[in-house]
Structures are given as structure tokens and as C-alpha cells.
Amino acid sequence: MQEMLQEQGSPRGNDPWGETMLAPDEVAAMVRLHDLGWGTKRIAAELGCSRNTVKRYLAAGGWVAMRQPGRRRRLGGLDDWLTERFKQHRGNCDVVRQDLARERGITVSLRTVERTLAPLRQGLRAEARACLRFETPPGKQLQIDFGATTVPIGGAAVRVHLFVATLGYSRRPFVQAFRHERQSAWFDGMEGAFRRFGGVPQEVLLDNARALVDHHDAATREVRFNERLHAFADYWGFRPRACAPYRARTALDGRPSFRQVRELVRRVQADCTIAVDGNSYSVPWRLIGESVRVVVADGRVRIHHGDAEVAVHPETTGRRQRVIDPAHFHGVAGLARPASAAEAPTPASAELLRPLAEYERVVGGGW
């Protein structure tokens, strides 16, 4: 019988009391032998186990699972206290251990505390990840943030910062990689998202990034955005909001990047020009001495006086260049000739010219 069971490869083990744990088929054979009149001593010898093991299985009427020994818990009876402290210290078991020694007079190892509180850690992780999905209508909201990761580039580990924008209605994402999280990266990332989705949301939700926020009060949740962000928001037509993502609403119409737009104030000089980046651009001569507003964007220099656009020039990339519109000199008398013939005002028409003989008759004689 013993040889037959060993050939079947029946698994055996030891229970906590040192008794042999028999497989179910061995116990079934034990019961059959006992029914045939075999004694416990003979069955034990046949199966290669102790007599007490045979008695235990026969008393149970068959196979039973291994019993677990009772373990005296060092921290027994402190479940509620431990749970409260575990949550209070956000899962820091070492601080909980220190509280045990200081407040309860119980000195245990850190491993003991970690083992006791292990079931609570999963709940803490779930609580940290849990969130309520906030639904917004199309065109309402965009949420932006930065994350970071390390990637191998050219055999070297490079820290990459990822700008992530998410539409509040459709949850469509936009991701752009940067080498930093400075203000320029935030602006470029938002403009990239606007162009990717083809529009601008009503609101942009953002975290308390130092590049965009001048002041943040953690107690009152008061947030004060910096002036550059307000200018960026006014330019694109959205309202910034602090985090407590969006569908396109407005067409972009090929609008240039905010960082490529400059607004300047210049005074018109006596030569009917204004200076921008070391170059001169003409304006109508009647504005000499007046202040004008200059917008440099998308390769154009646009000049405004009051609500009117008075001049538009292509932006020159050189230095000490003069960009002149001859029409700006019409009607001016005694103005010095511009630097080049190409820049000269349009000459008077031929029919306005007089032959010299007519001037002689007027003055009463020859020259």
C-alpha cells in the first residue's frame, strides 16, 4: 500500500505540530483499511506516518486541511488606533512605530508595523488615485500640466519634460516634449494644443506652476497669476483658472504665436519714419511728432494711430535698413529727397510741368 501511494507521487507535508500531512487519497486509503479492521499502529506502519496522525484523520472522518497555529499578535487590540495613525501619517509606518513607543509604550520593529498595516496600504493607494470625473460641455475647458521622465538619447539618460493637455469633453490628449518647464514651454505647449485641436477653449485649468503663478495661498486657495499669463490669455481669448479638458471653440484663422507678437510705442521722426530693431519704417508725413502703436507679428510691421491702421510694411531682417512707402510723402513740400531713387516720392505728372519761356514772361525777361 505504501509503495503504491509513493508511486502515485502523493504530496506530503508537515503541519505546525510536527505531524505528517497526508494527501486526500492517502487518507481515503487509511479509512478503507480501518474499515477492514486494521489497527492504527498497523496503518501508521503501512503508510509511513505517526500513529497520532492516523488517529487524527480517523477522528475527523477523512481528510482535513492543515490547521494554522494561533499567533499572539504584538499589536492585537489596536486596530482602530493603528488605522487612524496610518491615515494621519499618510502611510509612513516608521512614524506610526514611533507613536507606538511614545504614546503606548510598545516597542516593535518597523517590519512588524509594516506587516500589520499592509492591508491598509492598498486602500491608501486607491484613495490617492480615486477621482470624480468632472464633465464639461464642448468648448468649455482644457486642463494642462507637466510631467517628467528619463529617456535614453544617444546612449545618455536625458530628462524630458512632457506638456500634457486634455480636452474636458472628449478627453482627447495632446503631448509635447520639452527640455524644461519654463514659461516659454507652457506657452508653446498651449499654442501647440490650440493648433492640434483647431481652436481655443473658454477656460484653461492649470496647476500652481511657478512659471505662471506669482502667489498661491495653500490655506485660502487664493491664486494670483502673473501678468505675462494674463496677456497670453487675453491674446488668445480664454480665461485661466487654477486647478481645483475641452473642445475647440474659436477658429484660429492662422493667428501667429503669442511669443512672436510684439507691441511697441514709437514717436514719428522728422524724416517720416519710426525705428524698430535698428531699422526705419515710413508713416504718413502728417504724423511727424505723434506717438503711434506698432505691432510686429507674422513678418509684418503694422503701425496704428488711434483706431486706424496707417501703415503696413514687410519686416526686414537686416540692420539700418529703410523701408519706405512713397505714398507717405505725397503732398509734402521741401522734404529732403529719400536716400535712394527707389524710395523717392512719385514725381509730378508731365502735364503739370511748364516750359521755361512761360516763366520768362511771368518775370518780365530772360534768365
Foldseek 3Di string as FASTA:
>chain_A
DQVVVVVVVWDWDAAPVRFIAGHQVLQVVLVVVVVVPDDLVVSCVSNVTDSVVSVVQVVVVGHDDGDDDDDDQLCPPCVVVLLVVCVVVLNPLVVVQVCCCPPVVRHDDSVSSCVVCVVCNVVSVCVVPDDDQDADDAQAFKEKDKDWDWDQDPNDTAIKIKIWIAARHPRDIDIDIDNDDALVVVQVRQVVVCVVQQAHGQEYEYECDPNFWPDADPVVRDTHTDPVVVVSCVVRVHHYDYPVHHHHDDGPVPFFRPVQKDKDKFAQACLQWTDDPQETEHFANVRHGHIWIWIGHDQKIWIGDPHDTGDIDGDDPDHHYYHADLVSCPPDPPRDADPDPVRGHDDDDPVVDDDVVVVQVVVPHDD
